[in-house]
């Protein structure tokens, strides 16, 4: 018993937090899917759906998945559909993937790692002093 005769009950916020996060993720996915469908028909409604998804994400402290977040314009808040309102280009050597919004013109760049660099294994260098000479010394006594 605690103060004032009430039993000492602990609230389990962990389970409620998980439940809220799972519902939030479902709602965010639904809103983003609807925003992509409406991007072709009504851009204002698409922006509204993206805005609602971002608000839910902020309020419940759940992240929008990065693969979904890539196709949301930061400039105008529109769901980007490649070929309709977005241009996607691959610049392998310089900047990686470049996604351009065709309604506001904002550009987002995502770096891409090349396979050659990832397979490269760095070997430790031998110190100069420890290297042996490539040619054997001549014996001067045989002459």
N, C-alpha and C. Protein backbone atom coordinates (compact mmCIF):
# COMPACT_ATOMS: atom_id res chain seq x y z
N UNK A 1 0.83 -1.19 0.00
CA UNK A 1 0.00 0.00 0.00
C UNK A 1 0.87 1.25 0.00
N UNK A 2 0.46 2.16 -0.80
CA UNK A 2 1.21 3.41 -0.87
C UNK A 2 0.43 4.49 -0.14
N UNK A 3 0.82 5.69 -0.38
CA UNK A 3 0.21 6.83 0.27
C UNK A 3 -1.29 6.90 -0.03
N UNK A 4 -2.08 7.23 0.95
CA UNK A 4 -3.52 7.39 0.88
C UNK A 4 -4.25 6.05 0.69
N UNK A 5 -3.62 4.95 0.97
CA UNK A 5 -4.31 3.68 0.99
C UNK A 5 -4.56 3.03 -0.35
N UNK A 6 -4.03 3.58 -1.43
CA UNK A 6 -4.21 2.96 -2.74
C UNK A 6 -3.12 1.92 -2.98
N UNK A 7 -3.45 0.86 -3.70
CA UNK A 7 -2.40 -0.11 -4.00
C UNK A 7 -1.39 0.47 -4.97
N UNK A 8 -0.16 0.04 -4.83
CA UNK A 8 0.92 0.54 -5.67
C UNK A 8 0.87 -0.19 -7.02
N UNK A 9 0.31 0.45 -8.02
CA UNK A 9 0.21 -0.17 -9.34
C UNK A 9 1.16 0.53 -10.30
N UNK A 10 1.84 -0.27 -11.06
CA UNK A 10 2.74 0.29 -12.07
C UNK A 10 2.06 0.19 -13.42
N UNK A 11 2.17 1.21 -14.19
CA UNK A 11 1.57 1.20 -15.52
C UNK A 11 2.59 0.67 -16.51
N UNK A 12 2.11 -0.16 -17.40
CA UNK A 12 2.99 -0.75 -18.40
C UNK A 12 2.87 0.05 -19.69
N UNK A 13 3.73 1.06 -19.82
CA UNK A 13 3.69 1.93 -21.00
C UNK A 13 4.36 1.28 -22.20
N UNK A 14 5.20 0.28 -21.99
CA UNK A 14 5.92 -0.37 -23.08
C UNK A 14 4.98 -1.03 -24.06
N UNK A 15 3.99 -1.73 -23.56
CA UNK A 15 3.06 -2.43 -24.45
C UNK A 15 2.16 -1.44 -25.20
N UNK A 16 1.74 -0.39 -24.53
CA UNK A 16 0.90 0.58 -25.22
C UNK A 16 1.69 1.33 -26.29
N UNK A 17 2.96 1.59 -26.02
CA UNK A 17 3.82 2.27 -27.00
C UNK A 17 3.98 1.41 -28.25
N UNK A 18 4.19 0.11 -28.07
CA UNK A 18 4.32 -0.79 -29.21
C UNK A 18 3.03 -0.85 -30.01
N UNK A 19 1.90 -0.86 -29.32
CA UNK A 19 0.60 -0.92 -30.00
C UNK A 19 0.37 0.35 -30.81
N UNK A 20 0.68 1.49 -30.22
CA UNK A 20 0.52 2.77 -30.91
C UNK A 20 1.42 2.83 -32.13
N UNK A 21 2.66 2.36 -31.99
CA UNK A 21 3.62 2.40 -33.10
C UNK A 21 3.17 1.49 -34.24
N UNK A 22 2.63 0.31 -33.92
CA UNK A 22 2.20 -0.60 -34.99
C UNK A 22 1.00 -0.03 -35.75
N UNK A 23 0.05 0.59 -35.03
CA UNK A 23 -1.10 1.21 -35.68
C UNK A 23 -0.63 2.40 -36.53
N UNK A 24 0.33 3.16 -36.00
CA UNK A 24 0.84 4.32 -36.73
C UNK A 24 1.51 3.87 -38.03
N UNK A 25 2.32 2.79 -37.98
CA UNK A 25 2.98 2.30 -39.19
C UNK A 25 1.97 1.89 -40.24
N UNK A 26 0.91 1.21 -39.82
CA UNK A 26 -0.14 0.80 -40.76
C UNK A 26 -0.80 2.02 -41.41
N UNK A 27 -1.13 3.00 -40.60
CA UNK A 27 -1.79 4.21 -41.12
C UNK A 27 -0.88 4.96 -42.09
N UNK A 28 0.41 5.04 -41.74
CA UNK A 28 1.37 5.73 -42.59
C UNK A 28 1.47 5.03 -43.95
N UNK A 29 1.55 3.70 -43.94
CA UNK A 29 1.61 2.95 -45.19
C UNK A 29 0.37 3.19 -46.05
N UNK A 30 -0.81 3.16 -45.41
CA UNK A 30 -2.06 3.38 -46.14
C UNK A 30 -2.08 4.78 -46.75
N UNK A 31 -1.70 5.79 -45.97
CA UNK A 31 -1.72 7.17 -46.46
C UNK A 31 -0.73 7.38 -47.61
N UNK A 32 0.44 6.79 -47.51
CA UNK A 32 1.44 6.95 -48.57
C UNK A 32 0.97 6.26 -49.85
N UNK A 33 0.36 5.07 -49.71
CA UNK A 33 -0.17 4.38 -50.90
C UNK A 33 -1.26 5.22 -51.57
N UNK A 34 -2.14 5.80 -50.77
CA UNK A 34 -3.19 6.65 -51.33
C UNK A 34 -2.60 7.90 -51.97
N UNK A 35 -1.55 8.45 -51.35
CA UNK A 35 -0.91 9.64 -51.90
C UNK A 35 -0.29 9.34 -53.27
N UNK A 36 0.31 8.14 -53.43
CA UNK A 36 0.89 7.78 -54.72
C UNK A 36 -0.20 7.61 -55.79
N UNK A 37 -1.34 7.05 -55.39
CA UNK A 37 -2.44 6.90 -56.35
C UNK A 37 -3.00 8.26 -56.76
N UNK A 38 -3.14 9.16 -55.78
CA UNK A 38 -3.74 10.47 -56.05
C UNK A 38 -2.77 11.45 -56.71
N UNK A 39 -1.48 11.13 -56.74
CA UNK A 39 -0.50 12.04 -57.36
C UNK A 39 -0.78 12.22 -58.84
N UNK A 40 -1.36 11.22 -59.48
CA UNK A 40 -1.69 11.32 -60.91
C UNK A 40 -2.95 12.13 -61.15
N UNK A 41 -3.91 12.05 -60.21
CA UNK A 41 -5.21 12.69 -60.41
C UNK A 41 -5.30 14.07 -59.76
N UNK A 42 -5.00 14.13 -58.46
CA UNK A 42 -5.20 15.36 -57.70
C UNK A 42 -3.98 15.59 -56.81
N UNK A 43 -3.12 16.54 -57.20
CA UNK A 43 -1.89 16.78 -56.45
C UNK A 43 -2.14 17.35 -55.06
N UNK A 44 -3.16 18.17 -54.92
CA UNK A 44 -3.46 18.75 -53.60
C UNK A 44 -3.83 17.68 -52.59
N UNK A 45 -4.63 16.71 -53.03
CA UNK A 45 -5.02 15.62 -52.13
C UNK A 45 -3.82 14.74 -51.79
N UNK A 46 -2.93 14.55 -52.75
CA UNK A 46 -1.72 13.79 -52.50
C UNK A 46 -0.85 14.47 -51.45
N UNK A 47 -0.72 15.79 -51.57
CA UNK A 47 0.05 16.55 -50.57
C UNK A 47 -0.58 16.43 -49.18
N UNK A 48 -1.89 16.45 -49.13
CA UNK A 48 -2.61 16.33 -47.85
C UNK A 48 -2.31 14.97 -47.20
N UNK A 49 -2.33 13.89 -48.00
CA UNK A 49 -2.06 12.56 -47.46
C UNK A 49 -0.63 12.45 -46.94
N UNK A 50 0.31 13.02 -47.67
CA UNK A 50 1.71 12.99 -47.23
C UNK A 50 1.87 13.79 -45.95
N UNK A 51 1.20 14.94 -45.87
CA UNK A 51 1.25 15.77 -44.67
C UNK A 51 0.68 15.02 -43.46
N UNK A 52 -0.43 14.33 -43.64
CA UNK A 52 -1.02 13.55 -42.54
C UNK A 52 -0.08 12.43 -42.10
N UNK A 53 0.56 11.77 -43.07
CA UNK A 53 1.50 10.69 -42.73
C UNK A 53 2.68 11.23 -41.93
N UNK A 54 3.18 12.39 -42.32
CA UNK A 54 4.30 13.00 -41.58
C UNK A 54 3.88 13.43 -40.19
N UNK A 55 2.68 13.95 -40.05
CA UNK A 55 2.18 14.34 -38.72
C UNK A 55 2.04 13.14 -37.80
N UNK A 56 1.50 12.04 -38.34
CA UNK A 56 1.37 10.82 -37.54
C UNK A 56 2.75 10.33 -37.11
N UNK A 57 3.70 10.40 -38.03
CA UNK A 57 5.06 9.97 -37.73
C UNK A 57 5.68 10.80 -36.61
N UNK A 58 5.49 12.11 -36.66
CA UNK A 58 6.04 12.98 -35.63
C UNK A 58 5.35 12.78 -34.29
N UNK A 59 4.03 12.68 -34.31
CA UNK A 59 3.28 12.59 -33.07
C UNK A 59 3.53 11.28 -32.33
N UNK A 60 3.68 10.18 -33.07
CA UNK A 60 3.88 8.88 -32.44
C UNK A 60 5.34 8.48 -32.34
N UNK A 61 6.24 9.33 -32.85
CA UNK A 61 7.69 9.07 -32.84
C UNK A 61 8.04 7.77 -33.54
N UNK A 62 7.40 7.51 -34.67
CA UNK A 62 7.74 6.37 -35.49
C UNK A 62 8.32 6.88 -36.80
N UNK A 63 9.30 6.18 -37.32
CA UNK A 63 9.95 6.62 -38.55
C UNK A 63 9.20 6.15 -39.78
N UNK A 64 9.19 7.00 -40.78
CA UNK A 64 8.70 6.59 -42.09
C UNK A 64 9.84 5.79 -42.71
N UNK A 65 9.57 4.59 -43.25
CA UNK A 65 10.65 3.77 -43.81
C UNK A 65 11.43 4.52 -44.89
N UNK A 66 12.75 4.29 -44.92
CA UNK A 66 13.61 5.07 -45.81
C UNK A 66 13.30 4.83 -47.29
N UNK A 67 12.89 3.61 -47.66
CA UNK A 67 12.57 3.37 -49.06
C UNK A 67 11.30 4.10 -49.48
N UNK A 68 10.40 4.36 -48.53
CA UNK A 68 9.19 5.14 -48.81
C UNK A 68 9.51 6.63 -48.78
N UNK A 69 10.36 7.01 -47.83
CA UNK A 69 10.71 8.41 -47.62
C UNK A 69 11.45 9.00 -48.83
N UNK A 70 12.16 8.14 -49.56
CA UNK A 70 12.88 8.58 -50.74
C UNK A 70 11.98 9.21 -51.78
N UNK A 71 10.76 8.73 -51.86
CA UNK A 71 9.84 9.20 -52.89
C UNK A 71 8.80 10.17 -52.33
N UNK A 72 9.20 10.95 -51.33
CA UNK A 72 8.38 12.05 -50.81
C UNK A 72 9.20 13.33 -51.00
N UNK A 73 8.62 14.30 -51.68
CA UNK A 73 9.33 15.54 -51.95
C UNK A 73 9.38 16.41 -50.70
N UNK A 74 10.58 16.86 -50.35
CA UNK A 74 10.72 17.75 -49.20
C UNK A 74 10.30 19.17 -49.55
N UNK A 75 10.41 19.54 -50.81
CA UNK A 75 10.09 20.90 -51.23
C UNK A 75 8.61 21.20 -51.24
N UNK A 76 7.84 20.36 -51.93
CA UNK A 76 6.41 20.66 -52.08
C UNK A 76 5.51 19.66 -51.36
N UNK A 77 6.08 18.59 -50.78
CA UNK A 77 5.28 17.64 -50.02
C UNK A 77 4.44 16.71 -50.86
N UNK A 78 4.89 16.41 -52.05
CA UNK A 78 4.14 15.57 -52.98
C UNK A 78 4.72 14.17 -52.99
N UNK A 79 3.86 13.16 -53.17
CA UNK A 79 4.35 11.79 -53.35
C UNK A 79 4.88 11.67 -54.77
N UNK A 80 6.14 11.28 -54.90
CA UNK A 80 6.79 11.24 -56.20
C UNK A 80 6.55 9.90 -56.88
N UNK A 81 6.04 9.96 -58.10
CA UNK A 81 5.82 8.78 -58.93
C UNK A 81 6.78 8.88 -60.11
N UNK A 82 7.79 7.99 -60.18
CA UNK A 82 8.76 8.09 -61.29
C UNK A 82 8.07 7.97 -62.65
N UNK A 83 8.42 8.87 -63.53
CA UNK A 83 7.83 8.89 -64.87
C UNK A 83 6.63 9.80 -64.99
N UNK A 84 5.99 10.13 -63.86
CA UNK A 84 4.83 11.01 -63.91
C UNK A 84 5.18 12.40 -63.39
N UNK A 85 5.60 12.47 -62.13
CA UNK A 85 5.95 13.77 -61.56
C UNK A 85 7.37 13.77 -60.98
N UNK A 86 8.15 12.74 -61.29
CA UNK A 86 9.53 12.67 -60.82
C UNK A 86 10.43 12.09 -61.90
N UNK A 87 11.66 12.58 -61.90
CA UNK A 87 12.66 12.08 -62.84
C UNK A 87 13.74 11.40 -62.02
N UNK A 88 14.03 10.14 -62.33
CA UNK A 88 15.04 9.39 -61.59
C UNK A 88 16.18 9.09 -62.54
N UNK A 89 17.39 9.48 -62.13
CA UNK A 89 18.58 9.27 -62.94
C UNK A 89 19.66 8.59 -62.11
N UNK A 90 20.49 7.81 -62.78
CA UNK A 90 21.59 7.14 -62.12
C UNK A 90 22.90 7.66 -62.68
N UNK A 91 23.69 8.29 -61.82
CA UNK A 91 25.02 8.77 -62.18
C UNK A 91 26.00 7.93 -61.38
N UNK A 92 26.47 6.87 -61.97
CA UNK A 92 27.26 5.88 -61.24
C UNK A 92 28.56 6.43 -60.69
N UNK A 93 29.27 7.24 -61.47
CA UNK A 93 30.58 7.68 -61.02
C UNK A 93 30.54 8.90 -60.11
N UNK A 94 29.62 9.82 -60.35
CA UNK A 94 29.69 11.07 -59.61
C UNK A 94 28.79 11.12 -58.38
N UNK A 95 27.49 11.06 -58.55
CA UNK A 95 26.62 11.37 -57.41
C UNK A 95 25.64 10.26 -57.05
N UNK A 96 25.58 9.16 -57.77
CA UNK A 96 24.66 8.08 -57.41
C UNK A 96 23.28 8.29 -58.00
N UNK A 97 22.24 8.05 -57.21
CA UNK A 97 20.86 8.20 -57.68
C UNK A 97 20.41 9.64 -57.46
N UNK A 98 19.83 10.23 -58.49
CA UNK A 98 19.33 11.61 -58.41
C UNK A 98 17.84 11.58 -58.72
N UNK A 99 17.01 12.05 -57.76
CA UNK A 99 15.57 12.11 -57.94
C UNK A 99 15.16 13.58 -57.98
N UNK A 100 14.53 13.97 -59.09
CA UNK A 100 14.12 15.36 -59.28
C UNK A 100 12.61 15.44 -59.31
N UNK A 101 12.03 16.33 -58.49
CA UNK A 101 10.59 16.57 -58.50
C UNK A 101 10.28 17.49 -59.68
N UNK A 102 9.33 17.10 -60.51
CA UNK A 102 9.01 17.89 -61.69
C UNK A 102 8.02 19.01 -61.40
N UNK A 103 7.38 18.99 -60.21
CA UNK A 103 6.44 20.07 -59.90
C UNK A 103 7.13 21.26 -59.24
N UNK A 104 8.12 21.02 -58.39
CA UNK A 104 8.79 22.16 -57.74
C UNK A 104 10.26 22.27 -58.13
N UNK A 105 10.84 21.21 -58.70
CA UNK A 105 12.22 21.25 -59.16
C UNK A 105 13.26 20.89 -58.13
N UNK A 106 12.86 20.44 -56.94
CA UNK A 106 13.85 20.09 -55.92
C UNK A 106 14.54 18.79 -56.30
N UNK A 107 15.81 18.69 -55.92
CA UNK A 107 16.64 17.55 -56.29
C UNK A 107 17.15 16.88 -55.02
N UNK A 108 17.08 15.55 -55.00
CA UNK A 108 17.64 14.78 -53.89
C UNK A 108 18.63 13.77 -54.45
N UNK A 109 19.77 13.65 -53.78
CA UNK A 109 20.83 12.75 -54.24
C UNK A 109 21.09 11.69 -53.18
N UNK A 110 21.25 10.46 -53.65
CA UNK A 110 21.54 9.34 -52.76
C UNK A 110 22.80 8.65 -53.25
N UNK A 111 23.84 8.59 -52.43
CA UNK A 111 25.09 7.96 -52.87
C UNK A 111 24.93 6.45 -53.04
N UNK A 112 25.70 5.92 -53.98
CA UNK A 112 25.69 4.49 -54.24
C UNK A 112 27.13 4.00 -54.14
N UNK A 113 27.35 2.93 -53.37
CA UNK A 113 28.68 2.37 -53.25
C UNK A 113 28.95 1.46 -54.44
N UNK A 114 30.14 1.57 -55.01
CA UNK A 114 30.49 0.71 -56.12
C UNK A 114 30.99 -0.63 -55.59
N UNK A 115 30.81 -1.67 -56.36
CA UNK A 115 31.21 -3.01 -55.92
C UNK A 115 32.73 -3.16 -55.87
N UNK A 116 33.44 -2.44 -56.71
CA UNK A 116 34.89 -2.57 -56.77
C UNK A 116 35.51 -2.12 -55.45
N UNK A 117 35.05 -1.00 -54.93
CA UNK A 117 35.62 -0.48 -53.69
C UNK A 117 35.27 -1.33 -52.49
N UNK A 118 34.09 -1.97 -52.49
CA UNK A 118 33.70 -2.75 -51.32
C UNK A 118 34.46 -4.06 -51.23
N UNK A 119 34.93 -4.60 -52.38
CA UNK A 119 35.67 -5.86 -52.36
C UNK A 119 37.16 -5.65 -52.08
N UNK A 120 37.62 -4.45 -52.17
CA UNK A 120 39.02 -4.15 -51.98
C UNK A 120 39.41 -4.39 -50.52
N UNK A 121 40.44 -5.19 -50.32
CA UNK A 121 40.90 -5.50 -48.98
C UNK A 121 42.21 -4.77 -48.76
N UNK A 122 42.27 -4.05 -47.68
CA UNK A 122 43.49 -3.32 -47.36
C UNK A 122 44.47 -4.25 -46.65
N UNK A 123 45.70 -4.32 -47.18
CA UNK A 123 46.73 -5.14 -46.56
C UNK A 123 47.72 -4.22 -45.87
N UNK A 124 48.19 -4.62 -44.71
CA UNK A 124 49.16 -3.74 -44.04
C UNK A 124 50.48 -3.72 -44.80
N UNK A 125 51.08 -2.55 -44.86
CA UNK A 125 52.36 -2.41 -45.54
C UNK A 125 53.48 -2.87 -44.63
N UNK A 126 54.49 -3.49 -45.23
CA UNK A 126 55.67 -3.87 -44.46
C UNK A 126 56.53 -2.62 -44.27
N UNK A 127 57.13 -2.49 -43.12
CA UNK A 127 58.01 -1.34 -42.94
C UNK A 127 59.24 -1.45 -43.84
N UNK A 128 59.80 -0.34 -44.21
CA UNK A 128 60.93 -0.31 -45.15
C UNK A 128 62.14 -1.04 -44.60
N UNK A 129 62.41 -0.95 -43.33
CA UNK A 129 63.59 -1.56 -42.71
C UNK A 129 63.49 -3.08 -42.76
N UNK A 130 62.30 -3.63 -42.62
CA UNK A 130 62.13 -5.08 -42.55
C UNK A 130 62.23 -5.75 -43.91
N UNK A 131 62.24 -5.00 -44.98
CA UNK A 131 62.31 -5.61 -46.31
C UNK A 131 63.72 -6.15 -46.57
N UNK A 132 63.76 -7.31 -47.19
CA UNK A 132 65.06 -7.89 -47.53
C UNK A 132 65.50 -7.35 -48.88
N UNK A 133 66.77 -7.37 -49.10
CA UNK A 133 67.27 -6.87 -50.38
C UNK A 133 66.95 -7.88 -51.47
N UNK A 134 66.59 -7.45 -52.66
CA UNK A 134 66.20 -8.36 -53.72
C UNK A 134 67.37 -9.14 -54.33
N UNK A 135 68.60 -8.65 -54.19
CA UNK A 135 69.76 -9.31 -54.78
C UNK A 135 70.68 -9.79 -53.66
N UNK A 136 71.17 -11.02 -53.76
CA UNK A 136 72.11 -11.49 -52.73
C UNK A 136 73.46 -10.77 -52.85
N UNK A 137 74.14 -10.68 -51.73
CA UNK A 137 75.44 -10.01 -51.73
C UNK A 137 76.48 -10.90 -52.42
N UNK A 138 77.40 -10.28 -53.12
CA UNK A 138 78.48 -11.01 -53.79
C UNK A 138 79.61 -11.29 -52.81
N UNK A 139 80.19 -12.47 -52.94
CA UNK A 139 81.37 -12.79 -52.12
C UNK A 139 82.61 -12.26 -52.83
N UNK A 140 83.35 -11.42 -52.17
CA UNK A 140 84.54 -10.85 -52.75
C UNK A 140 85.76 -11.77 -52.59
N UNK A 141 85.64 -12.84 -51.78
CA UNK A 141 86.78 -13.74 -51.53
C UNK A 141 87.05 -14.68 -52.70
N UNK A 142 86.07 -14.98 -53.55
CA UNK A 142 86.25 -15.91 -54.66
C UNK A 142 87.05 -15.32 -55.80
N UNK A 143 87.20 -14.08 -55.93
CA UNK A 143 87.89 -13.46 -57.05
C UNK A 143 89.34 -13.61 -56.98
